[in-house]
Amino acid sequence: MAIAVAHKYVMRHADAEIREKSKVKMESLFTPAQT
């Protein structure tokens, strides 16, 4: 049970980190196009 909870926490944290990085990457791609 504890392993499943820890796994869920790690996956959620990793997913948030990936989303944050991809958001930054997208912003850096789109910013020159808008300028």
PDB file of N, CA and C in Angstrom:
ATOM      1  N   MET A   1       0.839  -1.206   0.000  1.00  0.00           N
ATOM      2  CA  MET A   1       0.000   0.000   0.000  1.00  0.00           C
ATOM      3  C   MET A   1       0.876   1.259   0.000  1.00  0.00           C
ATOM      4  N   ALA A   2       1.841   1.283   0.910  1.00  0.00           N
ATOM      5  CA  ALA A   2       2.721   2.455   0.986  1.00  0.00           C
ATOM      6  C   ALA A   2       3.517   2.628  -0.301  1.00  0.00           C
ATOM      7  N   ILE A   3       3.888   1.504  -0.911  1.00  0.00           N
ATOM      8  CA  ILE A   3       4.652   1.562  -2.166  1.00  0.00           C
ATOM      9  C   ILE A   3       3.801   2.200  -3.264  1.00  0.00           C
ATOM     10  N   ALA A   4       2.529   1.826  -3.318  1.00  0.00           N
ATOM     11  CA  ALA A   4       1.636   2.385  -4.336  1.00  0.00           C
ATOM     12  C   ALA A   4       1.465   3.886  -4.134  1.00  0.00           C
ATOM     13  N   VAL A   5       1.341   4.312  -2.886  1.00  0.00           N
ATOM     14  CA  VAL A   5       1.190   5.735  -2.585  1.00  0.00           C
ATOM     15  C   VAL A   5       2.458   6.492  -2.970  1.00  0.00           C
ATOM     16  N   ALA A   6       3.606   5.932  -2.617  1.00  0.00           N
ATOM     17  CA  ALA A   6       4.880   6.569  -2.949  1.00  0.00           C
ATOM     18  C   ALA A   6       5.061   6.640  -4.462  1.00  0.00           C
ATOM     19  N   HIS A   7       4.688   5.566  -5.152  1.00  0.00           N
ATOM     20  CA  HIS A   7       4.812   5.523  -6.606  1.00  0.00           C
ATOM     21  C   HIS A   7       3.929   6.594  -7.247  1.00  0.00           C
ATOM     22  N   LYS A   8       2.707   6.719  -6.740  1.00  0.00           N
ATOM     23  CA  LYS A   8       1.767   7.718  -7.262  1.00  0.00           C
ATOM     24  C   LYS A   8       2.319   9.127  -7.046  1.00  0.00           C
ATOM     25  N   TYR A   9       2.913   9.354  -5.863  1.00  0.00           N
ATOM     26  CA  TYR A   9       3.486  10.664  -5.552  1.00  0.00           C
ATOM     27  C   TYR A   9       4.648  10.984  -6.488  1.00  0.00           C
ATOM     28  N   VAL A  10       5.520   9.989  -6.692  1.00  0.00           N
ATOM     29  CA  VAL A  10       6.686  10.192  -7.553  1.00  0.00           C
ATOM     30  C   VAL A  10       6.247  10.462  -8.991  1.00  0.00           C
ATOM     31  N   MET A  11       5.263   9.701  -9.469  1.00  0.00           N
ATOM     32  CA  MET A  11       4.793   9.875 -10.838  1.00  0.00           C
ATOM     33  C   MET A  11       4.160  11.249 -11.024  1.00  0.00           C
ATOM     34  N   ARG A  12       3.395  11.684 -10.031  1.00  0.00           N
ATOM     35  CA  ARG A  12       2.748  12.989 -10.117  1.00  0.00           C
ATOM     36  C   ARG A  12       3.798  14.093 -10.120  1.00  0.00           C
ATOM     37  N   HIS A  13       4.824  13.939  -9.266  1.00  0.00           N
ATOM     38  CA  HIS A  13       5.881  14.940  -9.171  1.00  0.00           C
ATOM     39  C   HIS A  13       6.667  15.001 -10.477  1.00  0.00           C
ATOM     40  N   ALA A  14       6.985  13.836 -11.031  1.00  0.00           N
ATOM     41  CA  ALA A  14       7.728  13.779 -12.291  1.00  0.00           C
ATOM     42  C   ALA A  14       6.895  14.375 -13.417  1.00  0.00           C
ATOM     43  N   ASP A  15       5.600  14.080 -13.420  1.00  0.00           N
ATOM     44  CA  ASP A  15       4.710  14.583 -14.459  1.00  0.00           C
ATOM     45  C   ASP A  15       4.643  16.111 -14.405  1.00  0.00           C
ATOM     46  N   ALA A  16       4.570  16.656 -13.199  1.00  0.00           N
ATOM     47  CA  ALA A  16       4.518  18.107 -13.039  1.00  0.00           C
ATOM     48  C   ALA A  16       5.824  18.740 -13.509  1.00  0.00           C
ATOM     49  N   GLU A  17       6.945  18.063 -13.222  1.00  0.00           N
ATOM     50  CA  GLU A  17       8.245  18.587 -13.618  1.00  0.00           C
ATOM     51  C   GLU A  17       8.374  18.594 -15.138  1.00  0.00           C
ATOM     52  N   ILE A  18       7.925  17.506 -15.767  1.00  0.00           N
ATOM     53  CA  ILE A  18       7.971  17.396 -17.228  1.00  0.00           C
ATOM     54  C   ILE A  18       7.079  18.457 -17.864  1.00  0.00           C
ATOM     55  N   ARG A  19       5.899  18.643 -17.294  1.00  0.00           N
ATOM     56  CA  ARG A  19       4.965  19.626 -17.835  1.00  0.00           C
ATOM     57  C   ARG A  19       5.556  21.034 -17.727  1.00  0.00           C
ATOM     58  N   GLU A  20       6.215  21.314 -16.595  1.00  0.00           N
ATOM     59  CA  GLU A  20       6.823  22.626 -16.391  1.00  0.00           C
ATOM     60  C   GLU A  20       7.926  22.869 -17.418  1.00  0.00           C
ATOM     61  N   LYS A  21       8.762  21.847 -17.652  1.00  0.00           N
ATOM     62  CA  LYS A  21       9.857  21.989 -18.618  1.00  0.00           C
ATOM     63  C   LYS A  21       9.321  22.166 -20.028  1.00  0.00           C
ATOM     64  N   SER A  22       8.297  21.397 -20.389  1.00  0.00           N
ATOM     65  CA  SER A  22       7.742  21.498 -21.739  1.00  0.00           C
ATOM     66  C   SER A  22       7.050  22.847 -21.927  1.00  0.00           C
ATOM     67  N   LYS A  23       6.471  23.390 -20.840  1.00  0.00           N
ATOM     68  CA  LYS A  23       5.829  24.699 -20.915  1.00  0.00           C
ATOM     69  C   LYS A  23       6.880  25.771 -21.177  1.00  0.00           C
ATOM     70  N   VAL A  24       8.012  25.676 -20.486  1.00  0.00           N
ATOM     71  CA  VAL A  24       9.106  26.628 -20.690  1.00  0.00           C
ATOM     72  C   VAL A  24       9.641  26.505 -22.109  1.00  0.00           C
ATOM     73  N   LYS A  25       9.752  25.258 -22.593  1.00  0.00           N
ATOM     74  CA  LYS A  25      10.251  25.018 -23.943  1.00  0.00           C
ATOM     75  C   LYS A  25       9.295  25.619 -24.974  1.00  0.00           C
ATOM     76  N   MET A  26       8.000  25.438 -24.759  1.00  0.00           N
ATOM     77  CA  MET A  26       7.003  25.980 -25.670  1.00  0.00           C
ATOM     78  C   MET A  26       7.050  27.507 -25.668  1.00  0.00           C
ATOM     79  N   GLU A  27       7.195  28.111 -24.490  1.00  0.00           N
ATOM     80  CA  GLU A  27       7.251  29.568 -24.401  1.00  0.00           C
ATOM     81  C   GLU A  27       8.473  30.108 -25.127  1.00  0.00           C
ATOM     82  N   SER A  28       9.609  29.421 -25.002  1.00  0.00           N
ATOM     83  CA  SER A  28      10.832  29.878 -25.661  1.00  0.00           C
ATOM     84  C   SER A  28      10.722  29.711 -27.172  1.00  0.00           C
ATOM     85  N   LEU A  29       9.886  28.758 -27.618  1.00  0.00           N
ATOM     86  CA  LEU A  29       9.674  28.579 -29.055  1.00  0.00           C
ATOM     87  C   LEU A  29       8.741  29.651 -29.610  1.00  0.00           C
ATOM     88  N   PHE A  30       7.692  29.972 -28.839  1.00  0.00           N
ATOM     89  CA  PHE A  30       6.666  30.875 -29.347  1.00  0.00           C
ATOM     90  C   PHE A  30       7.003  32.352 -29.147  1.00  0.00           C
ATOM     91  N   THR A  31       7.853  32.660 -28.184  1.00  0.00           N
ATOM     92  CA  THR A  31       8.162  34.066 -27.901  1.00  0.00           C
ATOM     93  C   THR A  31       8.787  34.786 -29.103  1.00  0.00           C
ATOM     94  N   PRO A  32       9.782  34.213 -29.789  1.00  0.00           N
ATOM     95  CA  PRO A  32      10.360  34.900 -30.962  1.00  0.00           C
ATOM     96  C   PRO A  32       9.333  35.106 -32.076  1.00  0.00           C
ATOM     97  N   ALA A  33       8.404  34.175 -32.231  1.00  0.00           N
ATOM     98  CA  ALA A  33       7.397  34.277 -33.289  1.00  0.00           C
ATOM     99  C   ALA A  33       6.441  35.436 -33.020  1.00  0.00           C
ATOM    100  N   GLN A  34       6.162  35.703 -31.741  1.00  0.00           N
ATOM    101  CA  GLN A  34       5.229  36.774 -31.389  1.00  0.00           C
ATOM    102  C   GLN A  34       5.906  38.142 -31.421  1.00  0.00           C
ATOM    103  N   THR A  35       7.203  38.180 -31.205  1.00  0.00           N
ATOM    104  CA  THR A  35       7.925  39.454 -31.120  1.00  0.00           C
ATOM    105  C   THR A  35       7.996  40.124 -32.485  1.00  0.00           C
TER     106      THR A  35
END
